[in-house]
Amino acid sequence: MIIINTPHNPTGTVMNAFDMAQLDKITRGTDIVIISDEVYEHIIFDGIEHQSVLRFPKVGRKKFCNQLIWQNLPHHRVKVGYCIAPKNLTTEFRKVHQF
Protein backbone atom coordinates (compact mmCIF):
# COMPACT_ATOMS: atom_id res chain seq x y z
CA MET A 1 0.00 0.00 0.00
CA ILE A 2 1.15 3.51 -0.84
CA ILE A 3 -0.51 6.48 0.84
CA ILE A 4 -0.13 9.89 -0.76
CA ASN A 5 -1.38 13.27 0.40
CA THR A 6 -1.59 15.96 -2.26
CA PRO A 7 -1.65 18.82 -1.59
CA HIS A 8 0.19 17.80 1.50
CA ASN A 9 -0.79 19.24 4.86
CA PRO A 10 1.17 20.87 6.49
CA THR A 11 4.06 21.24 3.98
CA GLY A 12 1.99 22.33 0.98
CA THR A 13 3.80 19.96 -1.40
CA VAL A 14 1.74 19.23 -4.52
CA MET A 15 2.35 16.19 -6.71
CA ASN A 16 2.64 17.00 -10.42
CA ALA A 17 2.08 14.96 -13.59
CA PHE A 18 5.68 13.69 -13.52
CA ASP A 19 5.17 12.43 -9.95
CA MET A 20 2.03 10.59 -11.07
CA ALA A 21 3.94 9.03 -13.98
CA GLN A 22 6.55 7.77 -11.50
CA LEU A 23 3.80 6.39 -9.27
CA ASP A 24 2.42 4.56 -12.30
CA LYS A 25 5.88 3.20 -13.08
CA ILE A 26 6.45 1.71 -9.63
CA THR A 27 2.92 0.28 -9.23
CA ARG A 28 2.33 -1.07 -12.76
CA GLY A 29 1.86 -4.83 -12.76
CA THR A 30 1.67 -5.05 -8.97
CA ASP A 31 -1.09 -5.53 -6.41
CA ILE A 32 -0.14 -2.31 -4.61
CA VAL A 33 -3.15 -0.36 -3.37
CA ILE A 34 -2.91 3.44 -3.44
CA ILE A 35 -4.74 5.64 -0.97
CA SER A 36 -4.75 9.23 -2.17
CA ASP A 37 -5.82 11.83 0.38
CA GLU A 38 -6.85 14.86 -1.68
CA VAL A 39 -9.08 16.73 0.75
CA TYR A 40 -7.13 19.98 0.30
CA GLU A 41 -7.30 19.95 -3.52
CA HIS A 42 -8.90 23.42 -3.57
CA ILE A 43 -6.27 25.02 -1.36
CA ILE A 44 -3.43 25.44 -3.83
CA PHE A 45 -1.53 28.64 -4.48
CA ASP A 46 0.96 29.91 -7.07
CA GLY A 47 -1.13 28.69 -10.02
CA ILE A 48 -0.18 25.05 -9.52
CA GLU A 49 -2.80 22.64 -10.88
CA HIS A 50 -3.99 19.78 -8.67
CA GLN A 51 -3.17 16.38 -10.17
CA SER A 52 -5.61 13.82 -8.82
CA VAL A 53 -4.91 10.11 -9.15
CA LEU A 54 -8.34 9.98 -10.78
CA ARG A 55 -6.93 11.84 -13.81
CA PHE A 56 -4.45 9.04 -14.41
CA PRO A 57 -6.34 5.80 -15.08
CA LYS A 58 -3.12 3.77 -15.34
CA VAL A 59 -1.87 4.90 -11.92
CA GLY A 60 -2.79 2.18 -9.47
CA ARG A 61 -5.70 0.19 -10.83
CA LYS A 62 -6.43 -0.47 -7.16
CA LYS A 63 -6.86 2.94 -5.59
CA PHE A 64 -8.92 4.87 -3.10
CA CYS A 65 -9.28 8.61 -3.58
CA ASN A 66 -10.50 10.51 -0.52
CA GLN A 67 -12.20 13.86 -1.12
CA LEU A 68 -13.96 16.46 0.99
CA ILE A 69 -16.86 18.82 0.28
CA TRP A 70 -16.66 21.81 2.55
CA GLN A 71 -16.11 25.18 0.92
CA ASN A 72 -19.69 25.49 -0.37
CA LEU A 73 -21.50 24.39 2.77
CA PRO A 74 -23.28 27.08 4.80
CA HIS A 75 -21.79 25.96 8.12
CA HIS A 76 -18.01 26.15 8.40
CA ARG A 77 -17.83 23.24 10.85
CA VAL A 78 -19.73 20.85 8.59
CA LYS A 79 -17.56 18.66 6.38
CA VAL A 80 -18.72 15.86 4.13
CA GLY A 81 -16.12 13.36 2.99
CA TYR A 82 -16.37 10.73 0.32
CA CYS A 83 -14.21 8.01 -1.16
CA ILE A 84 -13.94 6.99 -4.81
CA ALA A 85 -12.71 3.48 -5.56
CA PRO A 86 -13.46 0.45 -7.73
CA LYS A 87 -16.50 -1.58 -6.66
CA ASN A 88 -14.47 -4.55 -5.41
CA LEU A 89 -12.51 -2.25 -3.07
CA THR A 90 -15.52 -0.26 -1.85
CA THR A 91 -17.29 -3.49 -0.93
CA GLU A 92 -14.46 -4.30 1.47
CA PHE A 93 -14.12 -0.66 2.58
CA ARG A 94 -17.79 -0.51 3.63
CA LYS A 95 -17.38 -3.60 5.82
CA VAL A 96 -14.97 -1.79 8.10
CA HIS A 97 -16.08 1.81 7.65
CA GLN A 98 -19.58 1.37 9.04
CA PHE A 99 -18.10 0.31 12.38
PDB file of N, CA and C in Angstrom:
ATOM      1  N   MET A   1       0.838  -1.166   0.000  1.00  0.00           N
ATOM      2  CA  MET A   1       0.000   0.000   0.000  1.00  0.00           C
ATOM      3  C   MET A   1       0.889   1.236   0.000  1.00  0.00           C
ATOM      4  N   ILE A   2       0.486   2.205  -0.817  1.00  0.00           N
ATOM      5  CA  ILE A   2       1.148   3.507  -0.842  1.00  0.00           C
ATOM      6  C   ILE A   2       0.094   4.551  -0.500  1.00  0.00           C
ATOM      7  N   ILE A   3       0.397   5.396   0.462  1.00  0.00           N
ATOM      8  CA  ILE A   3      -0.505   6.481   0.845  1.00  0.00           C
ATOM      9  C   ILE A   3       0.129   7.790   0.410  1.00  0.00           C
ATOM     10  N   ILE A   4      -0.622   8.578  -0.370  1.00  0.00           N
ATOM     11  CA  ILE A   4      -0.131   9.893  -0.764  1.00  0.00           C
ATOM     12  C   ILE A   4      -1.102  10.951  -0.262  1.00  0.00           C
ATOM     13  N   ASN A   5      -0.592  12.136  -0.081  1.00  0.00           N
ATOM     14  CA  ASN A   5      -1.380  13.265   0.405  1.00  0.00           C
ATOM     15  C   ASN A   5      -0.991  14.459  -0.458  1.00  0.00           C
ATOM     16  N   THR A   6      -1.890  14.863  -1.357  1.00  0.00           N
ATOM     17  CA  THR A   6      -1.585  15.963  -2.262  1.00  0.00           C
ATOM     18  C   THR A   6      -2.818  16.825  -2.479  1.00  0.00           C
ATOM     19  N   PRO A   7      -2.744  18.096  -2.216  1.00  0.00           N
ATOM     20  CA  PRO A   7      -1.651  18.817  -1.595  1.00  0.00           C
ATOM     21  C   PRO A   7      -1.435  18.354  -0.156  1.00  0.00           C
ATOM     22  N   HIS A   8      -0.186  18.313   0.195  1.00  0.00           N
ATOM     23  CA  HIS A   8       0.188  17.801   1.504  1.00  0.00           C
ATOM     24  C   HIS A   8      -0.063  18.842   2.588  1.00  0.00           C
ATOM     25  N   ASN A   9      -0.611  18.385   3.688  1.00  0.00           N
ATOM     26  CA  ASN A   9      -0.789  19.243   4.858  1.00  0.00           C
ATOM     27  C   ASN A   9       0.131  18.688   5.935  1.00  0.00           C
ATOM     28  N   PRO A  10       1.067  19.410   6.460  1.00  0.00           N
ATOM     29  CA  PRO A  10       1.167  20.868   6.486  1.00  0.00           C
ATOM     30  C   PRO A  10       2.203  21.466   5.538  1.00  0.00           C
ATOM     31  N   THR A  11       2.950  20.675   4.755  1.00  0.00           N
ATOM     32  CA  THR A  11       4.058  21.244   3.984  1.00  0.00           C
ATOM     33  C   THR A  11       3.622  21.999   2.738  1.00  0.00           C
ATOM     34  N   GLY A  12       2.454  21.664   2.186  1.00  0.00           N
ATOM     35  CA  GLY A  12       1.987  22.326   0.977  1.00  0.00           C
ATOM     36  C   GLY A  12       2.525  21.718  -0.308  1.00  0.00           C
ATOM     37  N   THR A  13       3.263  20.614  -0.209  1.00  0.00           N
ATOM     38  CA  THR A  13       3.798  19.961  -1.398  1.00  0.00           C
ATOM     39  C   THR A  13       2.653  19.442  -2.268  1.00  0.00           C
ATOM     40  N   VAL A  14       2.762  19.670  -3.573  1.00  0.00           N
ATOM     41  CA  VAL A  14       1.738  19.231  -4.518  1.00  0.00           C
ATOM     42  C   VAL A  14       2.389  18.304  -5.540  1.00  0.00           C
ATOM     43  N   MET A  15       1.816  17.116  -5.708  1.00  0.00           N
ATOM     44  CA  MET A  15       2.347  16.193  -6.708  1.00  0.00           C
ATOM     45  C   MET A  15       1.971  16.695  -8.099  1.00  0.00           C
ATOM     46  N   ASN A  16       2.906  16.562  -9.049  1.00  0.00           N
ATOM     47  CA  ASN A  16       2.644  17.001 -10.415  1.00  0.00           C
ATOM     48  C   ASN A  16       2.482  15.790 -11.339  1.00  0.00           C
ATOM     49  N   ALA A  17       2.296  16.041 -12.624  1.00  0.00           N
ATOM     50  CA  ALA A  17       2.076  14.957 -13.589  1.00  0.00           C
ATOM     51  C   ALA A  17       3.278  14.013 -13.653  1.00  0.00           C
ATOM     52  N   PHE A  18       4.488  14.537 -13.524  1.00  0.00           N
ATOM     53  CA  PHE A  18       5.678  13.691 -13.518  1.00  0.00           C
ATOM     54  C   PHE A  18       5.655  12.749 -12.316  1.00  0.00           C
ATOM     55  N   ASP A  19       5.268  13.268 -11.152  1.00  0.00           N
ATOM     56  CA  ASP A  19       5.172  12.432  -9.953  1.00  0.00           C
ATOM     57  C   ASP A  19       4.172  11.299 -10.166  1.00  0.00           C
ATOM     58  N   MET A  20       3.040  11.614 -10.809  1.00  0.00           N
ATOM     59  CA  MET A  20       2.026  10.587 -11.068  1.00  0.00           C
ATOM     60  C   MET A  20       2.558   9.545 -12.050  1.00  0.00           C
ATOM     61  N   ALA A  21       3.346   9.988 -13.036  1.00  0.00           N
ATOM     62  CA  ALA A  21       3.942   9.033 -13.977  1.00  0.00           C
ATOM     63  C   ALA A  21       4.897   8.096 -13.253  1.00  0.00           C
ATOM     64  N   GLN A  22       5.640   8.609 -12.283  1.00  0.00           N
ATOM     65  CA  GLN A  22       6.549   7.773 -11.505  1.00  0.00           C
ATOM     66  C   GLN A  22       5.773   6.799 -10.620  1.00  0.00           C
ATOM     67  N   LEU A  23       4.655   7.262 -10.076  1.00  0.00           N
ATOM     68  CA  LEU A  23       3.804   6.386  -9.274  1.00  0.00           C
ATOM     69  C   LEU A  23       3.260   5.253 -10.137  1.00  0.00           C
ATOM     70  N   ASP A  24       2.880   5.581 -11.362  1.00  0.00           N
ATOM     71  CA  ASP A  24       2.424   4.561 -12.301  1.00  0.00           C
ATOM     72  C   ASP A  24       3.539   3.554 -12.567  1.00  0.00           C
ATOM     73  N   LYS A  25       4.739   4.056 -12.762  1.00  0.00           N
ATOM     74  CA  LYS A  25       5.883   3.197 -13.084  1.00  0.00           C
ATOM     75  C   LYS A  25       6.167   2.184 -11.971  1.00  0.00           C
ATOM     76  N   ILE A  26       6.103   2.625 -10.726  1.00  0.00           N
ATOM     77  CA  ILE A  26       6.454   1.708  -9.630  1.00  0.00           C
ATOM     78  C   ILE A  26       5.302   0.796  -9.215  1.00  0.00           C
ATOM     79  N   THR A  27       4.053   1.121  -9.627  1.00  0.00           N
ATOM     80  CA  THR A  27       2.922   0.280  -9.234  1.00  0.00           C
ATOM     81  C   THR A  27       2.395  -0.585 -10.381  1.00  0.00           C
ATOM     82  N   ARG A  28       2.819  -0.313 -11.586  1.00  0.00           N
ATOM     83  CA  ARG A  28       2.334  -1.065 -12.757  1.00  0.00           C
ATOM     84  C   ARG A  28       2.661  -2.544 -12.612  1.00  0.00           C
ATOM     85  N   GLY A  29       1.654  -3.386 -12.819  1.00  0.00           N
ATOM     86  CA  GLY A  29       1.862  -4.831 -12.756  1.00  0.00           C
ATOM     87  C   GLY A  29       1.974  -5.384 -11.347  1.00  0.00           C
ATOM     88  N   THR A  30       1.602  -4.593 -10.360  1.00  0.00           N
ATOM     89  CA  THR A  30       1.668  -5.048  -8.966  1.00  0.00           C
ATOM     90  C   THR A  30       0.270  -5.077  -8.360  1.00  0.00           C
ATOM     91  N   ASP A  31       0.173  -5.564  -7.153  1.00  0.00           N
ATOM     92  CA  ASP A  31      -1.086  -5.530  -6.411  1.00  0.00           C
ATOM     93  C   ASP A  31      -1.094  -4.410  -5.378  1.00  0.00           C
ATOM     94  N   ILE A  32      -0.222  -3.426  -5.563  1.00  0.00           N
ATOM     95  CA  ILE A  32      -0.136  -2.315  -4.611  1.00  0.00           C
ATOM     96  C   ILE A  32      -1.410  -1.485  -4.657  1.00  0.00           C
ATOM     97  N   VAL A  33      -1.969  -1.214  -3.501  1.00  0.00           N
ATOM     98  CA  VAL A  33      -3.147  -0.363  -3.369  1.00  0.00           C
ATOM     99  C   VAL A  33      -2.669   1.049  -3.042  1.00  0.00           C
ATOM    100  N   ILE A  34      -3.252   2.043  -3.698  1.00  0.00           N
ATOM    101  CA  ILE A  34      -2.913   3.437  -3.439  1.00  0.00           C
ATOM    102  C   ILE A  34      -4.070   4.104  -2.728  1.00  0.00           C
ATOM    103  N   ILE A  35      -3.759   4.787  -1.637  1.00  0.00           N
ATOM    104  CA  ILE A  35      -4.741   5.635  -0.968  1.00  0.00           C
ATOM    105  C   ILE A  35      -4.273   7.063  -1.194  1.00  0.00           C
ATOM    106  N   SER A  36      -5.103   7.847  -1.863  1.00  0.00           N
ATOM    107  CA  SER A  36      -4.751   9.227  -2.173  1.00  0.00           C
ATOM    108  C   SER A  36      -5.662  10.157  -1.388  1.00  0.00           C
ATOM    109  N   ASP A  37      -5.075  10.874  -0.444  1.00  0.00           N
ATOM    110  CA  ASP A  37      -5.821  11.832   0.377  1.00  0.00           C
ATOM    111  C   ASP A  37      -5.729  13.181  -0.320  1.00  0.00           C
ATOM    112  N   GLU A  38      -6.840  13.632  -0.887  1.00  0.00           N
ATOM    113  CA  GLU A  38      -6.853  14.856  -1.677  1.00  0.00           C
ATOM    114  C   GLU A  38      -7.844  15.878  -1.129  1.00  0.00           C
ATOM    115  N   VAL A  39      -8.052  15.864   0.171  1.00  0.00           N
ATOM    116  CA  VAL A  39      -9.076  16.731   0.752  1.00  0.00           C
ATOM    117  C   VAL A  39      -8.747  18.218   0.654  1.00  0.00           C
ATOM    118  N   TYR A  40      -7.500  18.567   0.425  1.00  0.00           N
ATOM    119  CA  TYR A  40      -7.126  19.982   0.300  1.00  0.00           C
ATOM    120  C   TYR A  40      -6.904  20.399  -1.151  1.00  0.00           C
ATOM    121  N   GLU A  41      -7.529  19.682  -2.095  1.00  0.00           N
ATOM    122  CA  GLU A  41      -7.297  19.949  -3.518  1.00  0.00           C
ATOM    123  C   GLU A  41      -7.631  21.386  -3.930  1.00  0.00           C
ATOM    124  N   HIS A  42      -8.505  22.052  -3.211  1.00  0.00           N
ATOM    125  CA  HIS A  42      -8.901  23.419  -3.573  1.00  0.00           C
ATOM    126  C   HIS A  42      -8.050  24.483  -2.887  1.00  0.00           C
ATOM    127  N   ILE A  43      -7.114  24.061  -2.066  1.00  0.00           N
ATOM    128  CA  ILE A  43      -6.268  25.022  -1.355  1.00  0.00           C
ATOM    129  C   ILE A  43      -4.856  24.921  -1.935  1.00  0.00           C
ATOM    130  N   ILE A  44      -4.710  25.442  -3.142  1.00  0.00           N
ATOM    131  CA  ILE A  44      -3.425  25.440  -3.826  1.00  0.00           C
ATOM    132  C   ILE A  44      -3.149  26.865  -4.288  1.00  0.00           C
ATOM    133  N   PHE A  45      -1.916  27.284  -4.115  1.00  0.00           N
ATOM    134  CA  PHE A  45      -1.534  28.644  -4.478  1.00  0.00           C
ATOM    135  C   PHE A  45      -0.493  28.613  -5.592  1.00  0.00           C
ATOM    136  N   ASP A  46      -0.094  29.755  -6.060  1.00  0.00           N
ATOM    137  CA  ASP A  46       0.955  29.913  -7.073  1.00  0.00           C
ATOM    138  C   ASP A  46       0.580  29.334  -8.428  1.00  0.00           C
ATOM    139  N   GLY A  47      -0.708  29.160  -8.710  1.00  0.00           N
ATOM    140  CA  GLY A  47      -1.134  28.692 -10.019  1.00  0.00           C
ATOM    141  C   GLY A  47      -0.839  27.235 -10.316  1.00  0.00           C
ATOM    142  N   ILE A  48      -0.451  26.473  -9.324  1.00  0.00           N
ATOM    143  CA  ILE A  48      -0.179  25.047  -9.518  1.00  0.00           C
ATOM    144  C   ILE A  48      -1.511  24.321  -9.687  1.00  0.00           C
ATOM    145  N   GLU A  49      -1.576  23.398 -10.632  1.00  0.00           N
ATOM    146  CA  GLU A  49      -2.799  22.642 -10.876  1.00  0.00           C
ATOM    147  C   GLU A  49      -2.775  21.326 -10.110  1.00  0.00           C
ATOM    148  N   HIS A  50      -3.874  21.039  -9.417  1.00  0.00           N
ATOM    149  CA  HIS A  50      -3.987  19.781  -8.674  1.00  0.00           C
ATOM    150  C   HIS A  50      -4.019  18.613  -9.643  1.00  0.00           C
ATOM    151  N   GLN A  51      -3.228  17.592  -9.354  1.00  0.00           N
ATOM    152  CA  GLN A  51      -3.175  16.383 -10.173  1.00  0.00           C
ATOM    153  C   GLN A  51      -3.725  15.212  -9.365  1.00  0.00           C
ATOM    154  N   SER A  52      -4.975  14.918  -9.539  1.00  0.00           N
ATOM    155  CA  SER A  52      -5.613  13.822  -8.822  1.00  0.00           C
ATOM    156  C   SER A  52      -5.227  12.483  -9.433  1.00  0.00           C
ATOM    157  N   VAL A  53      -5.145  11.458  -8.604  1.00  0.00           N
ATOM    158  CA  VAL A  53      -4.906  10.114  -9.149  1.00  0.00           C
ATOM    159  C   VAL A  53      -6.042   9.702 -10.076  1.00  0.00           C
ATOM    160  N   LEU A  54      -7.202  10.314  -9.929  1.00  0.00           N
ATOM    161  CA  LEU A  54      -8.340   9.981 -10.782  1.00  0.00           C
ATOM    162  C   LEU A  54      -8.122  10.426 -12.226  1.00  0.00           C
ATOM    163  N   ARG A  55      -7.245  11.380 -12.454  1.00  0.00           N
ATOM    164  CA  ARG A  55      -6.930  11.839 -13.808  1.00  0.00           C
ATOM    165  C   ARG A  55      -6.016  10.874 -14.551  1.00  0.00           C
ATOM    166  N   PHE A  56      -5.436   9.953 -13.841  1.00  0.00           N
ATOM    167  CA  PHE A  56      -4.451   9.036 -14.415  1.00  0.00           C
ATOM    168  C   PHE A  56      -4.945   7.608 -14.260  1.00  0.00           C
ATOM    169  N   PRO A  57      -5.723   7.125 -15.227  1.00  0.00           N
ATOM    170  CA  PRO A  57      -6.337   5.796 -15.080  1.00  0.00           C
ATOM    171  C   PRO A  57      -5.334   4.662 -14.948  1.00  0.00           C
ATOM    172  N   LYS A  58      -4.119   4.839 -15.438  1.00  0.00           N
ATOM    173  CA  LYS A  58      -3.122   3.774 -15.336  1.00  0.00           C
ATOM    174  C   LYS A  58      -2.451   3.747 -13.975  1.00  0.00           C
ATOM    175  N   VAL A  59      -2.529   4.844 -13.233  1.00  0.00           N
ATOM    176  CA  VAL A  59      -1.874   4.897 -11.920  1.00  0.00           C
ATOM    177  C   VAL A  59      -2.694   4.091 -10.932  1.00  0.00           C
ATOM    178  N   GLY A  60      -2.149   2.996 -10.491  1.00  0.00           N
ATOM    179  CA  GLY A  60      -2.794   2.182  -9.474  1.00  0.00           C
ATOM    180  C   GLY A  60      -4.204   1.773  -9.818  1.00  0.00           C
ATOM    181  N   ARG A  61      -4.349   0.680 -10.499  1.00  0.00           N
ATOM    182  CA  ARG A  61      -5.699   0.193 -10.833  1.00  0.00           C
ATOM    183  C   ARG A  61      -6.501  -0.072  -9.554  1.00  0.00           C
ATOM    184  N   LYS A  62      -5.791  -0.292  -8.457  1.00  0.00           N
ATOM    185  CA  LYS A  62      -6.431  -0.472  -7.156  1.00  0.00           C
ATOM    186  C   LYS A  62      -6.151   0.777  -6.341  1.00  0.00           C
ATOM    187  N   LYS A  63      -7.109   1.699  -6.310  1.00  0.00           N
ATOM    188  CA  LYS A  63      -6.859   2.943  -5.588  1.00  0.00           C
ATOM    189  C   LYS A  63      -8.113   3.471  -4.930  1.00  0.00           C
ATOM    190  N   PHE A  64      -7.893   4.125  -3.808  1.00  0.00           N
ATOM    191  CA  PHE A  64      -8.923   4.868  -3.103  1.00  0.00           C
ATOM    192  C   PHE A  64      -8.554   6.335  -3.241  1.00  0.00           C
ATOM    193  N   CYS A  65      -9.524   7.174  -3.529  1.00  0.00           N
ATOM    194  CA  CYS A  65      -9.282   8.610  -3.576  1.00  0.00           C
ATOM    195  C   CYS A  65     -10.242   9.267  -2.585  1.00  0.00           C
ATOM    196  N   ASN A  66      -9.690   9.868  -1.558  1.00  0.00           N
ATOM    197  CA  ASN A  66     -10.503  10.510  -0.522  1.00  0.00           C
ATOM    198  C   ASN A  66     -10.650  11.995  -0.830  1.00  0.00           C
ATOM    199  N   GLN A  67     -11.879  12.469  -0.809  1.00  0.00           N
ATOM    200  CA  GLN A  67     -12.196  13.859  -1.121  1.00  0.00           C
ATOM    201  C   GLN A  67     -13.026  14.453   0.004  1.00  0.00           C
ATOM    202  N   LEU A  68     -13.209  15.754  -0.051  1.00  0.00           N
ATOM    203  CA  LEU A  68     -13.958  16.460   0.985  1.00  0.00           C
ATOM    204  C   LEU A  68     -14.746  17.586   0.350  1.00  0.00           C
ATOM    205  N   ILE A  69     -16.027  17.683   0.704  1.00  0.00           N
ATOM    206  CA  ILE A  69     -16.855  18.817   0.283  1.00  0.00           C
ATOM    207  C   ILE A  69     -16.987  19.707   1.504  1.00  0.00           C
ATOM    208  N   TRP A  70     -16.537  20.936   1.385  1.00  0.00           N
ATOM    209  CA  TRP A  70     -16.658  21.807   2.551  1.00  0.00           C
ATOM    210  C   TRP A  70     -16.753  23.267   2.207  1.00  0.00           C
ATOM    211  N   GLN A  71     -16.150  23.752   1.154  1.00  0.00           N
ATOM    212  CA  GLN A  71     -16.114  25.179   0.922  1.00  0.00           C
ATOM    213  C   GLN A  71     -17.468  25.771   0.551  1.00  0.00           C
ATOM    214  N   ASN A  72     -18.392  24.971   0.048  1.00  0.00           N
ATOM    215  CA  ASN A  72     -19.693  25.492  -0.368  1.00  0.00           C
ATOM    216  C   ASN A  72     -20.808  25.242   0.643  1.00  0.00           C
ATOM    217  N   LEU A  73     -20.474  24.662   1.774  1.00  0.00           N
ATOM    218  CA  LEU A  73     -21.497  24.389   2.768  1.00  0.00           C
ATOM    219  C   LEU A  73     -21.735  25.637   3.626  1.00  0.00           C
ATOM    220  N   PRO A  74     -22.971  25.862   4.053  1.00  0.00           N
ATOM    221  CA  PRO A  74     -23.279  27.076   4.804  1.00  0.00           C
ATOM    222  C   PRO A  74     -22.686  27.119   6.214  1.00  0.00           C
ATOM    223  N   HIS A  75     -22.328  25.991   6.772  1.00  0.00           N
ATOM    224  CA  HIS A  75     -21.789  25.960   8.123  1.00  0.00           C
ATOM    225  C   HIS A  75     -20.321  25.550   8.059  1.00  0.00           C
ATOM    226  N   HIS A  76     -19.432  26.402   8.548  1.00  0.00           N
ATOM    227  CA  HIS A  76     -18.011  26.147   8.402  1.00  0.00           C
ATOM    228  C   HIS A  76     -17.518  24.914   9.155  1.00  0.00           C
ATOM    229  N   ARG A  77     -18.263  24.427  10.098  1.00  0.00           N
ATOM    230  CA  ARG A  77     -17.828  23.235  10.846  1.00  0.00           C
ATOM    231  C   ARG A  77     -18.354  21.941  10.248  1.00  0.00           C
ATOM    232  N   VAL A  78     -19.172  22.034   9.234  1.00  0.00           N
ATOM    233  CA  VAL A  78     -19.730  20.850   8.594  1.00  0.00           C
ATOM    234  C   VAL A  78     -18.827  20.439   7.435  1.00  0.00           C
ATOM    235  N   LYS A  79     -18.387  19.193   7.451  1.00  0.00           N
ATOM    236  CA  LYS A  79     -17.557  18.663   6.379  1.00  0.00           C
ATOM    237  C   LYS A  79     -18.125  17.320   5.956  1.00  0.00           C
ATOM    238  N   VAL A  80     -18.212  17.110   4.671  1.00  0.00           N
ATOM    239  CA  VAL A  80     -18.719  15.857   4.135  1.00  0.00           C
ATOM    240  C   VAL A  80     -17.607  15.220   3.315  1.00  0.00           C
ATOM    241  N   GLY A  81     -17.179  14.046   3.712  1.00  0.00           N
ATOM    242  CA  GLY A  81     -16.123  13.357   2.993  1.00  0.00           C
ATOM    243  C   GLY A  81     -16.692  12.218   2.172  1.00  0.00           C
ATOM    244  N   TYR A  82     -15.968  11.874   1.127  1.00  0.00           N
ATOM    245  CA  TYR A  82     -16.368  10.728   0.321  1.00  0.00           C
ATOM    246  C   TYR A  82     -15.133  10.053  -0.247  1.00  0.00           C
ATOM    247  N   CYS A  83     -15.315   8.824  -0.654  1.00  0.00           N
ATOM    248  CA  CYS A  83     -14.209   8.011  -1.159  1.00  0.00           C
ATOM    249  C   CYS A  83     -14.610   7.432  -2.510  1.00  0.00           C
ATOM    250  N   ILE A  84     -13.716   7.550  -3.479  1.00  0.00           N
ATOM    251  CA  ILE A  84     -13.942   6.991  -4.807  1.00  0.00           C
ATOM    252  C   ILE A  84     -12.980   5.820  -4.983  1.00  0.00           C
ATOM    253  N   ALA A  85     -13.535   4.670  -5.375  1.00  0.00           N
ATOM    254  CA  ALA A  85     -12.710   3.477  -5.561  1.00  0.00           C
ATOM    255  C   ALA A  85     -13.477   2.478  -6.414  1.00  0.00           C
ATOM    256  N   PRO A  86     -12.781   1.501  -6.987  1.00  0.00           N
ATOM    257  CA  PRO A  86     -13.461   0.446  -7.734  1.00  0.00           C
ATOM    258  C   PRO A  86     -14.419  -0.328  -6.827  1.00  0.00           C
ATOM    259  N   LYS A  87     -15.456  -0.888  -7.424  1.00  0.00           N
ATOM    260  CA  LYS A  87     -16.498  -1.580  -6.663  1.00  0.00           C
ATOM    261  C   LYS A  87     -15.937  -2.671  -5.747  1.00  0.00           C
ATOM    262  N   ASN A  88     -14.990  -3.461  -6.244  1.00  0.00           N
ATOM    263  CA  ASN A  88     -14.468  -4.549  -5.413  1.00  0.00           C
ATOM    264  C   ASN A  88     -13.762  -4.010  -4.163  1.00  0.00           C
ATOM    265  N   LEU A  89     -13.160  -2.829  -4.240  1.00  0.00           N
ATOM    266  CA  LEU A  89     -12.512  -2.250  -3.069  1.00  0.00           C
ATOM    267  C   LEU A  89     -13.523  -1.572  -2.143  1.00  0.00           C
ATOM    268  N   THR A  90     -14.536  -0.924  -2.714  1.00  0.00           N
ATOM    269  CA  THR A  90     -15.518  -0.258  -1.849  1.00  0.00           C
ATOM    270  C   THR A  90     -16.359  -1.268  -1.077  1.00  0.00           C
ATOM    271  N   THR A  91     -16.558  -2.445  -1.648  1.00  0.00           N
ATOM    272  CA  THR A  91     -17.287  -3.493  -0.931  1.00  0.00           C
ATOM    273  C   THR A  91     -16.564  -3.829   0.370  1.00  0.00           C
ATOM    274  N   GLU A  92     -15.260  -3.997   0.276  1.00  0.00           N
ATOM    275  CA  GLU A  92     -14.462  -4.300   1.471  1.00  0.00           C
ATOM    276  C   GLU A  92     -14.368  -3.085   2.392  1.00  0.00           C
ATOM    277  N   PHE A  93     -14.223  -1.911   1.821  1.00  0.00           N
ATOM    278  CA  PHE A  93     -14.118  -0.664   2.581  1.00  0.00           C
ATOM    279  C   PHE A  93     -15.361  -0.464   3.458  1.00  0.00           C
ATOM    280  N   ARG A  94     -16.539  -0.706   2.879  1.00  0.00           N
ATOM    281  CA  ARG A  94     -17.789  -0.509   3.631  1.00  0.00           C
ATOM    282  C   ARG A  94     -17.932  -1.488   4.790  1.00  0.00           C
ATOM    283  N   LYS A  95     -17.316  -2.635   4.717  1.00  0.00           N
ATOM    284  CA  LYS A  95     -17.380  -3.597   5.817  1.00  0.00           C
ATOM    285  C   LYS A  95     -16.736  -3.040   7.086  1.00  0.00           C
ATOM    286  N   VAL A  96     -15.657  -2.324   6.931  1.00  0.00           N
ATOM    287  CA  VAL A  96     -14.971  -1.790   8.104  1.00  0.00           C
ATOM    288  C   VAL A  96     -15.376  -0.360   8.417  1.00  0.00           C
ATOM    289  N   HIS A  97     -15.772   0.405   7.416  1.00  0.00           N
ATOM    290  CA  HIS A  97     -16.078   1.812   7.646  1.00  0.00           C
ATOM    291  C   HIS A  97     -17.339   2.007   8.474  1.00  0.00           C
ATOM    292  N   GLN A  98     -18.341   1.177   8.302  1.00  0.00           N
ATOM    293  CA  GLN A  98     -19.580   1.374   9.041  1.00  0.00           C
ATOM    294  C   GLN A  98     -19.409   1.160  10.539  1.00  0.00           C
ATOM    295  N   PHE A  99     -18.328   0.517  10.963  1.00  0.00           N
ATOM    296  CA  PHE A  99     -18.099   0.311  12.379  1.00  0.00           C
ATOM    297  C   PHE A  99     -17.051   1.252  12.904  1.00  0.00           C
TER     298      PHE A  99
END
